[in-house]
PDB file of N, CA and C in Angstrom:
ATOM      1  N   UNK A   1       3.909   7.504  13.027  1.00  0.00           N
ATOM      2  CA  UNK A   1       3.598   6.277  12.323  1.00  0.00           C
ATOM      3  C   UNK A   1       4.603   6.118  11.179  1.00  0.00           C
ATOM      4  N   UNK A   2       5.183   4.939  11.098  1.00  0.00           N
ATOM      5  CA  UNK A   2       6.158   4.622  10.061  1.00  0.00           C
ATOM      6  C   UNK A   2       5.488   3.707   9.039  1.00  0.00           C
ATOM      7  N   UNK A   3       5.196   4.239   7.830  1.00  0.00           N
ATOM      8  CA  UNK A   3       4.508   3.482   6.788  1.00  0.00           C
ATOM      9  C   UNK A   3       5.450   3.241   5.615  1.00  0.00           C
ATOM     10  N   UNK A   4       5.484   1.978   5.157  1.00  0.00           N
ATOM     11  CA  UNK A   4       6.312   1.618   4.007  1.00  0.00           C
ATOM     12  C   UNK A   4       5.482   0.768   3.056  1.00  0.00           C
ATOM     13  N   UNK A   5       5.472   1.157   1.783  1.00  0.00           N
ATOM     14  CA  UNK A   5       4.735   0.415   0.762  1.00  0.00           C
ATOM     15  C   UNK A   5       5.751  -0.147  -0.217  1.00  0.00           C
ATOM     16  N   UNK A   6       5.726  -1.473  -0.378  1.00  0.00           N
ATOM     17  CA  UNK A   6       6.658  -2.148  -1.275  1.00  0.00           C
ATOM     18  C   UNK A   6       5.867  -3.164  -2.097  1.00  0.00           C
ATOM     19  N   UNK A   7       5.538  -2.798  -3.335  1.00  0.00           N
ATOM     20  CA  UNK A   7       4.722  -3.683  -4.169  1.00  0.00           C
ATOM     21  C   UNK A   7       3.342  -3.839  -3.558  1.00  0.00           C
ATOM     22  N   UNK A   8       2.985  -5.066  -3.222  1.00  0.00           N
ATOM     23  CA  UNK A   8       1.690  -5.332  -2.603  1.00  0.00           C
ATOM     24  C   UNK A   8       1.802  -5.540  -1.094  1.00  0.00           C
ATOM     25  N   UNK A   9       2.915  -5.104  -0.513  1.00  0.00           N
ATOM     26  CA  UNK A   9       3.116  -5.198   0.931  1.00  0.00           C
ATOM     27  C   UNK A   9       2.997  -3.825   1.569  1.00  0.00           C
ATOM     28  N   UNK A  10       2.225  -3.765   2.634  1.00  0.00           N
ATOM     29  CA  UNK A  10       2.093  -2.545   3.413  1.00  0.00           C
ATOM     30  C   UNK A  10       2.650  -2.837   4.798  1.00  0.00           C
ATOM     31  N   UNK A  11       3.639  -2.050   5.211  1.00  0.00           N
ATOM     32  CA  UNK A  11       4.242  -2.219   6.531  1.00  0.00           C
ATOM     33  C   UNK A  11       4.044  -0.939   7.317  1.00  0.00           C
ATOM     34  N   UNK A  12       3.458  -1.088   8.503  1.00  0.00           N
ATOM     35  CA  UNK A  12       3.260   0.044   9.405  1.00  0.00           C
ATOM     36  C   UNK A  12       3.789  -0.355  10.772  1.00  0.00           C
ATOM     37  N   UNK A  13       4.736   0.437  11.258  1.00  0.00           N
ATOM     38  CA  UNK A  13       5.331   0.206  12.580  1.00  0.00           C
ATOM     39  C   UNK A  13       5.778  -1.245  12.763  1.00  0.00           C
ATOM     40  N   UNK A  14       6.366  -1.838  11.722  1.00  0.00           N
ATOM     41  CA  UNK A  14       6.910  -3.187  11.821  1.00  0.00           C
ATOM     42  C   UNK A  14       5.948  -4.313  11.508  1.00  0.00           C
ATOM     43  N   UNK A  15       4.676  -4.029  11.350  1.00  0.00           N
ATOM     44  CA  UNK A  15       3.675  -5.043  11.006  1.00  0.00           C
ATOM     45  C   UNK A  15       3.423  -4.988   9.506  1.00  0.00           C
ATOM     46  N   UNK A  16       3.524  -6.147   8.840  1.00  0.00           N
ATOM     47  CA  UNK A  16       3.372  -6.206   7.391  1.00  0.00           C
ATOM     48  C   UNK A  16       2.122  -6.992   7.009  1.00  0.00           C
ATOM     49  N   UNK A  17       1.420  -6.465   5.999  1.00  0.00           N
ATOM     50  CA  UNK A  17       0.232  -7.127   5.458  1.00  0.00           C
ATOM     51  C   UNK A  17       0.395  -7.202   3.947  1.00  0.00           C
ATOM     52  N   UNK A  18       0.121  -8.369   3.399  1.00  0.00           N
ATOM     53  CA  UNK A  18       0.100  -8.552   1.941  1.00  0.00           C
ATOM     54  C   UNK A  18      -1.317  -8.268   1.454  1.00  0.00           C
ATOM     55  N   UNK A  19      -1.416  -7.543   0.348  1.00  0.00           N
ATOM     56  CA  UNK A  19      -2.723  -7.227  -0.233  1.00  0.00           C
ATOM     57  C   UNK A  19      -2.747  -7.618  -1.693  1.00  0.00           C
ATOM     58  N   UNK A  20      -3.956  -7.803  -2.195  1.00  0.00           N
ATOM     59  CA  UNK A  20      -4.127  -8.028  -3.626  1.00  0.00           C
ATOM     60  C   UNK A  20      -3.872  -6.715  -4.356  1.00  0.00           C
ATOM     61  N   UNK A  21      -3.639  -6.836  -5.652  1.00  0.00           N
ATOM     62  CA  UNK A  21      -3.315  -5.670  -6.473  1.00  0.00           C
ATOM     63  C   UNK A  21      -4.405  -4.595  -6.399  1.00  0.00           C
ATOM     64  N   UNK A  22      -5.679  -4.985  -6.511  1.00  0.00           N
ATOM     65  CA  UNK A  22      -6.786  -4.012  -6.472  1.00  0.00           C
ATOM     66  C   UNK A  22      -6.901  -3.375  -5.092  1.00  0.00           C
ATOM     67  N   UNK A  23      -6.680  -4.161  -4.045  1.00  0.00           N
ATOM     68  CA  UNK A  23      -6.740  -3.617  -2.685  1.00  0.00           C
ATOM     69  C   UNK A  23      -5.668  -2.554  -2.490  1.00  0.00           C
ATOM     70  N   UNK A  24      -4.458  -2.849  -2.956  1.00  0.00           N
ATOM     71  CA  UNK A  24      -3.363  -1.893  -2.792  1.00  0.00           C
ATOM     72  C   UNK A  24      -3.611  -0.636  -3.614  1.00  0.00           C
ATOM     73  N   UNK A  25      -4.136  -0.803  -4.825  1.00  0.00           N
ATOM     74  CA  UNK A  25      -4.448   0.357  -5.661  1.00  0.00           C
ATOM     75  C   UNK A  25      -5.518   1.219  -4.999  1.00  0.00           C
ATOM     76  N   UNK A  26      -6.527   0.587  -4.429  1.00  0.00           N
ATOM     77  CA  UNK A  26      -7.589   1.306  -3.731  1.00  0.00           C
ATOM     78  C   UNK A  26      -7.019   2.024  -2.512  1.00  0.00           C
ATOM     79  N   UNK A  27      -6.200   1.336  -1.726  1.00  0.00           N
ATOM     80  CA  UNK A  27      -5.579   1.943  -0.555  1.00  0.00           C
ATOM     81  C   UNK A  27      -4.747   3.159  -0.951  1.00  0.00           C
ATOM     82  N   UNK A  28      -3.905   2.997  -1.969  1.00  0.00           N
ATOM     83  CA  UNK A  28      -3.044   4.097  -2.398  1.00  0.00           C
ATOM     84  C   UNK A  28      -3.845   5.308  -2.855  1.00  0.00           C
ATOM     85  N   UNK A  29      -4.922   5.073  -3.601  1.00  0.00           N
ATOM     86  CA  UNK A  29      -5.739   6.198  -4.066  1.00  0.00           C
ATOM     87  C   UNK A  29      -6.396   6.914  -2.887  1.00  0.00           C
ATOM     88  N   UNK A  30      -6.971   6.152  -1.974  1.00  0.00           N
ATOM     89  CA  UNK A  30      -7.603   6.752  -0.796  1.00  0.00           C
ATOM     90  C   UNK A  30      -6.566   7.480   0.063  1.00  0.00           C
ATOM     91  N   UNK A  31      -5.376   6.891   0.181  1.00  0.00           N
ATOM     92  CA  UNK A  31      -4.311   7.494   1.001  1.00  0.00           C
ATOM     93  C   UNK A  31      -3.845   8.823   0.411  1.00  0.00           C
ATOM     94  N   UNK A  32      -3.651   8.843  -0.893  1.00  0.00           N
ATOM     95  CA  UNK A  32      -3.180  10.062  -1.545  1.00  0.00           C
ATOM     96  C   UNK A  32      -4.218  11.182  -1.496  1.00  0.00           C
ATOM     97  N   UNK A  33      -5.491  10.817  -1.445  1.00  0.00           N
ATOM     98  CA  UNK A  33      -6.570  11.809  -1.420  1.00  0.00           C
ATOM     99  C   UNK A  33      -7.031  12.137  -0.007  1.00  0.00           C
ATOM    100  N   UNK A  34      -6.534  11.405   0.986  1.00  0.00           N
ATOM    101  CA  UNK A  34      -6.971  11.585   2.367  1.00  0.00           C
ATOM    102  C   UNK A  34      -6.686  13.008   2.835  1.00  0.00           C
ATOM    103  N   UNK A  35      -7.573  13.616   3.554  1.00  0.00           N
ATOM    104  CA  UNK A  35      -8.811  13.126   4.158  1.00  0.00           C
ATOM    105  C   UNK A  35     -10.063  13.369   3.302  1.00  0.00           C
ATOM    106  N   UNK A  36      -9.857  13.763   2.055  1.00  0.00           N
ATOM    107  CA  UNK A  36     -10.996  14.061   1.172  1.00  0.00           C
ATOM    108  C   UNK A  36     -11.839  12.807   0.930  1.00  0.00           C
ATOM    109  N   UNK A  37     -13.160  12.999   0.829  1.00  0.00           N
ATOM    110  CA  UNK A  37     -14.077  11.911   0.492  1.00  0.00           C
ATOM    111  C   UNK A  37     -14.029  11.712  -1.021  1.00  0.00           C
ATOM    112  N   UNK A  38     -13.793  10.465  -1.443  1.00  0.00           N
ATOM    113  CA  UNK A  38     -13.748  10.135  -2.863  1.00  0.00           C
ATOM    114  C   UNK A  38     -15.095   9.541  -3.245  1.00  0.00           C
ATOM    115  N   UNK A  39     -15.726  10.136  -4.235  1.00  0.00           N
ATOM    116  CA  UNK A  39     -17.048   9.673  -4.658  1.00  0.00           C
ATOM    117  C   UNK A  39     -16.969   8.270  -5.239  1.00  0.00           C
ATOM    118  N   UNK A  40     -18.034   7.523  -5.030  1.00  0.00           N
ATOM    119  CA  UNK A  40     -18.120   6.144  -5.494  1.00  0.00           C
ATOM    120  C   UNK A  40     -17.841   6.033  -6.988  1.00  0.00           C
ATOM    121  N   UNK A  41     -18.431   6.904  -7.776  1.00  0.00           N
ATOM    122  CA  UNK A  41     -18.243   6.840  -9.228  1.00  0.00           C
ATOM    123  C   UNK A  41     -16.790   7.101  -9.618  1.00  0.00           C
ATOM    124  N   UNK A  42     -16.132   8.017  -8.921  1.00  0.00           N
ATOM    125  CA  UNK A  42     -14.718   8.288  -9.195  1.00  0.00           C
ATOM    126  C   UNK A  42     -13.869   7.061  -8.891  1.00  0.00           C
ATOM    127  N   UNK A  43     -14.154   6.402  -7.752  1.00  0.00           N
ATOM    128  CA  UNK A  43     -13.410   5.201  -7.391  1.00  0.00           C
ATOM    129  C   UNK A  43     -13.635   4.082  -8.399  1.00  0.00           C
ATOM    130  N   UNK A  44     -14.875   3.905  -8.823  1.00  0.00           N
ATOM    131  CA  UNK A  44     -15.170   2.854  -9.805  1.00  0.00           C
ATOM    132  C   UNK A  44     -14.401   3.101 -11.093  1.00  0.00           C
ATOM    133  N   UNK A  45     -14.398   4.341 -11.552  1.00  0.00           N
ATOM    134  CA  UNK A  45     -13.690   4.688 -12.782  1.00  0.00           C
ATOM    135  C   UNK A  45     -12.189   4.481 -12.606  1.00  0.00           C
ATOM    136  N   UNK A  46     -11.657   4.964 -11.501  1.00  0.00           N
ATOM    137  CA  UNK A  46     -10.219   4.873 -11.216  1.00  0.00           C
ATOM    138  C   UNK A  46      -9.755   3.416 -11.122  1.00  0.00           C
ATOM    139  N   UNK A  47     -10.601   2.565 -10.530  1.00  0.00           N
ATOM    140  CA  UNK A  47     -10.245   1.171 -10.309  1.00  0.00           C
ATOM    141  C   UNK A  47     -10.620   0.267 -11.487  1.00  0.00           C
ATOM    142  N   UNK A  48     -11.348   0.800 -12.467  1.00  0.00           N
ATOM    143  CA  UNK A  48     -11.784  -0.016 -13.596  1.00  0.00           C
ATOM    144  C   UNK A  48     -12.850  -1.021 -13.197  1.00  0.00           C
ATOM    145  N   UNK A  49     -13.715  -0.601 -12.292  1.00  0.00           N
ATOM    146  CA  UNK A  49     -14.774  -1.466 -11.766  1.00  0.00           C
ATOM    147  C   UNK A  49     -16.107  -1.009 -12.333  1.00  0.00           C
ATOM    148  N   UNK A  50     -16.919  -1.954 -12.769  1.00  0.00           N
ATOM    149  CA  UNK A  50     -18.181  -1.609 -13.400  1.00  0.00           C
ATOM    150  C   UNK A  50     -19.334  -1.441 -12.399  1.00  0.00           C
ATOM    151  N   UNK A  51     -19.356  -2.248 -11.349  1.00  0.00           N
ATOM    152  CA  UNK A  51     -20.520  -2.210 -10.464  1.00  0.00           C
ATOM    153  C   UNK A  51     -20.166  -1.699  -9.066  1.00  0.00           C
ATOM    154  N   UNK A  52     -21.143  -1.082  -8.444  1.00  0.00           N
ATOM    155  CA  UNK A  52     -20.977  -0.605  -7.072  1.00  0.00           C
ATOM    156  C   UNK A  52     -20.779  -1.788  -6.133  1.00  0.00           C
ATOM    157  N   UNK A  53     -21.471  -2.893  -6.416  1.00  0.00           N
ATOM    158  CA  UNK A  53     -21.350  -4.094  -5.582  1.00  0.00           C
ATOM    159  C   UNK A  53     -19.898  -4.584  -5.532  1.00  0.00           C
ATOM    160  N   UNK A  54     -19.227  -4.588  -6.672  1.00  0.00           N
ATOM    161  CA  UNK A  54     -17.829  -5.027  -6.725  1.00  0.00           C
ATOM    162  C   UNK A  54     -16.939  -4.073  -5.938  1.00  0.00           C
ATOM    163  N   UNK A  55     -17.193  -2.766  -6.049  1.00  0.00           N
ATOM    164  CA  UNK A  55     -16.419  -1.799  -5.277  1.00  0.00           C
ATOM    165  C   UNK A  55     -16.608  -2.037  -3.785  1.00  0.00           C
ATOM    166  N   UNK A  56     -17.828  -2.279  -3.361  1.00  0.00           N
ATOM    167  CA  UNK A  56     -18.115  -2.542  -1.943  1.00  0.00           C
ATOM    168  C   UNK A  56     -17.349  -3.781  -1.473  1.00  0.00           C
ATOM    169  N   UNK A  57     -17.251  -4.798  -2.322  1.00  0.00           N
ATOM    170  CA  UNK A  57     -16.487  -5.994  -1.964  1.00  0.00           C
ATOM    171  C   UNK A  57     -15.005  -5.671  -1.781  1.00  0.00           C
ATOM    172  N   UNK A  58     -14.448  -4.868  -2.679  1.00  0.00           N
ATOM    173  CA  UNK A  58     -13.037  -4.483  -2.567  1.00  0.00           C
ATOM    174  C   UNK A  58     -12.798  -3.651  -1.309  1.00  0.00           C
ATOM    175  N   UNK A  59     -13.702  -2.749  -0.999  1.00  0.00           N
ATOM    176  CA  UNK A  59     -13.575  -1.936   0.215  1.00  0.00           C
ATOM    177  C   UNK A  59     -13.629  -2.838   1.446  1.00  0.00           C
ATOM    178  N   UNK A  60     -14.529  -3.812   1.440  1.00  0.00           N
ATOM    179  CA  UNK A  60     -14.656  -4.739   2.556  1.00  0.00           C
ATOM    180  C   UNK A  60     -13.372  -5.542   2.756  1.00  0.00           C
ATOM    181  N   UNK A  61     -12.793  -6.036   1.666  1.00  0.00           N
ATOM    182  CA  UNK A  61     -11.543  -6.791   1.746  1.00  0.00           C
ATOM    183  C   UNK A  61     -10.399  -5.901   2.241  1.00  0.00           C
ATOM    184  N   UNK A  62     -10.376  -4.657   1.785  1.00  0.00           N
ATOM    185  CA  UNK A  62      -9.345  -3.725   2.235  1.00  0.00           C
ATOM    186  C   UNK A  62      -9.506  -3.425   3.723  1.00  0.00           C
ATOM    187  N   UNK A  63     -10.730  -3.237   4.161  1.00  0.00           N
ATOM    188  CA  UNK A  63     -10.977  -3.003   5.595  1.00  0.00           C
ATOM    189  C   UNK A  63     -10.454  -4.166   6.428  1.00  0.00           C
ATOM    190  N   UNK A  64     -10.702  -5.374   5.953  1.00  0.00           N
ATOM    191  CA  UNK A  64     -10.246  -6.560   6.670  1.00  0.00           C
ATOM    192  C   UNK A  64      -8.717  -6.582   6.744  1.00  0.00           C
ATOM    193  N   UNK A  65      -8.049  -6.260   5.642  1.00  0.00           N
ATOM    194  CA  UNK A  65      -6.583  -6.239   5.632  1.00  0.00           C
ATOM    195  C   UNK A  65      -6.038  -5.159   6.563  1.00  0.00           C
ATOM    196  N   UNK A  66      -6.675  -3.996   6.583  1.00  0.00           N
ATOM    197  CA  UNK A  66      -6.200  -2.879   7.404  1.00  0.00           C
ATOM    198  C   UNK A  66      -6.530  -3.041   8.882  1.00  0.00           C
ATOM    199  N   UNK A  67      -7.450  -3.937   9.212  1.00  0.00           N
ATOM    200  CA  UNK A  67      -7.874  -4.107  10.608  1.00  0.00           C
ATOM    201  C   UNK A  67      -6.715  -4.532  11.509  1.00  0.00           C
ATOM    202  N   UNK A  68      -5.676  -5.123  10.936  1.00  0.00           N
ATOM    203  CA  UNK A  68      -4.497  -5.538  11.697  1.00  0.00           C
ATOM    204  C   UNK A  68      -3.825  -4.347  12.360  1.00  0.00           C
ATOM    205  N   UNK A  69      -3.876  -3.199  11.696  1.00  0.00           N
ATOM    206  CA  UNK A  69      -3.169  -2.021  12.184  1.00  0.00           C
ATOM    207  C   UNK A  69      -3.946  -1.247  13.239  1.00  0.00           C
ATOM    208  N   UNK A  70      -5.253  -1.231  13.154  1.00  0.00           N
ATOM    209  CA  UNK A  70      -6.073  -0.547  14.140  1.00  0.00           C
ATOM    210  C   UNK A  70      -6.112   0.963  14.016  1.00  0.00           C
ATOM    211  N   UNK A  71      -5.104   1.573  13.437  1.00  0.00           N
ATOM    212  CA  UNK A  71      -5.049   3.028  13.370  1.00  0.00           C
ATOM    213  C   UNK A  71      -5.495   3.577  12.022  1.00  0.00           C
ATOM    214  N   UNK A  72      -5.882   2.692  11.101  1.00  0.00           N
ATOM    215  CA  UNK A  72      -6.323   3.104   9.776  1.00  0.00           C
ATOM    216  C   UNK A  72      -7.705   2.523   9.533  1.00  0.00           C
ATOM    217  N   UNK A  73      -8.614   3.360   9.072  1.00  0.00           N
ATOM    218  CA  UNK A  73      -9.941   2.845   8.746  1.00  0.00           C
ATOM    219  C   UNK A  73     -10.494   3.562   7.518  1.00  0.00           C
ATOM    220  N   UNK A  74     -11.426   2.901   6.873  1.00  0.00           N
ATOM    221  CA  UNK A  74     -12.105   3.486   5.728  1.00  0.00           C
ATOM    222  C   UNK A  74     -13.490   3.889   6.206  1.00  0.00           C
ATOM    223  N   UNK A  75     -13.789   5.159   6.056  1.00  0.00           N
ATOM    224  CA  UNK A  75     -15.071   5.701   6.489  1.00  0.00           C
ATOM    225  C   UNK A  75     -16.009   5.758   5.285  1.00  0.00           C
ATOM    226  N   UNK A  76     -17.201   5.203   5.452  1.00  0.00           N
ATOM    227  CA  UNK A  76     -18.219   5.252   4.406  1.00  0.00           C
ATOM    228  C   UNK A  76     -19.069   6.494   4.600  1.00  0.00           C
ATOM    229  N   UNK A  77     -19.226   7.261   3.549  1.00  0.00           N
ATOM    230  CA  UNK A  77     -20.115   8.418   3.556  1.00  0.00           C
ATOM    231  C   UNK A  77     -21.314   8.027   2.685  1.00  0.00           C
ATOM    232  N   UNK A  78     -22.422   7.738   3.350  1.00  0.00           N
ATOM    233  CA  UNK A  78     -23.601   7.181   2.681  1.00  0.00           C
ATOM    234  C   UNK A  78     -23.983   7.962   1.427  1.00  0.00           C
ATOM    235  N   UNK A  79     -24.180   7.243   0.348  1.00  0.00           N
ATOM    236  CA  UNK A  79     -24.600   7.769  -0.949  1.00  0.00           C
ATOM    237  C   UNK A  79     -23.620   8.790  -1.533  1.00  0.00           C
ATOM    238  N   UNK A  80     -22.380   8.813  -1.004  1.00  0.00           N
ATOM    239  CA  UNK A  80     -21.374   9.741  -1.522  1.00  0.00           C
ATOM    240  C   UNK A  80     -20.126   8.966  -1.936  1.00  0.00           C
ATOM    241  N   UNK A  81     -19.453   8.357  -0.961  1.00  0.00           N
ATOM    242  CA  UNK A  81     -18.219   7.655  -1.273  1.00  0.00           C
ATOM    243  C   UNK A  81     -17.485   7.216  -0.026  1.00  0.00           C
ATOM    244  N   UNK A  82     -16.145   7.217  -0.113  1.00  0.00           N
ATOM    245  CA  UNK A  82     -15.301   6.700   0.961  1.00  0.00           C
ATOM    246  C   UNK A  82     -14.145   7.659   1.246  1.00  0.00           C
ATOM    247  N   UNK A  83     -13.641   7.574   2.462  1.00  0.00           N
ATOM    248  CA  UNK A  83     -12.462   8.352   2.855  1.00  0.00           C
ATOM    249  C   UNK A  83     -11.593   7.490   3.751  1.00  0.00           C
ATOM    250  N   UNK A  84     -10.303   7.679   3.666  1.00  0.00           N
ATOM    251  CA  UNK A  84      -9.358   6.979   4.527  1.00  0.00           C
ATOM    252  C   UNK A  84      -9.070   7.850   5.732  1.00  0.00           C
ATOM    253  N   UNK A  85      -9.185   7.251   6.897  1.00  0.00           N
ATOM    254  CA  UNK A  85      -8.911   7.990   8.124  1.00  0.00           C
ATOM    255  C   UNK A  85      -7.740   7.325   8.835  1.00  0.00           C
ATOM    256  N   UNK A  86      -6.724   8.124   9.111  1.00  0.00           N
ATOM    257  CA  UNK A  86      -5.542   7.623   9.827  1.00  0.00           C
ATOM    258  C   UNK A  86      -5.495   8.320  11.177  1.00  0.00           C
ATOM    259  N   UNK A  87      -5.516   7.514  12.230  1.00  0.00           N
ATOM    260  CA  UNK A  87      -5.459   8.030  13.591  1.00  0.00           C
ATOM    261  C   UNK A  87      -3.998   8.116  13.981  1.00  0.00           C
ATOM    262  N   UNK A  88      -3.544   9.299  14.286  1.00  0.00           N
ATOM    263  CA  UNK A  88      -2.145   9.497  14.672  1.00  0.00           C
ATOM    264  C   UNK A  88      -1.921   8.980  16.078  1.00  0.00           C
ATOM    265  N   UNK A  89      -0.815   8.272  16.264  1.00  0.00           N
ATOM    266  CA  UNK A  89      -0.482   7.769  17.612  1.00  0.00           C
ATOM    267  C   UNK A  89       0.721   8.472  18.157  1.00  0.00           C
TER     268      UNK A  89
END
């Protein structure tokens, strides 16, 4: 897999997706910590988000942006947090 990050653009295997600043920050944090599960409270603190509801919205938007690639997904660990899963092709 060939991944390139340039500002708010994520390019994987020639396909490019534009993301919002918070989405890219969330993606980068999950990517750097992958495959470790990041606790919800840690993500909220890291992202400067006050409510769990807002974090869930950002995760949902990020999932939608990443759906183009098919090989990357965000796994929810109930009552714990999130992890980024990259399927090698």
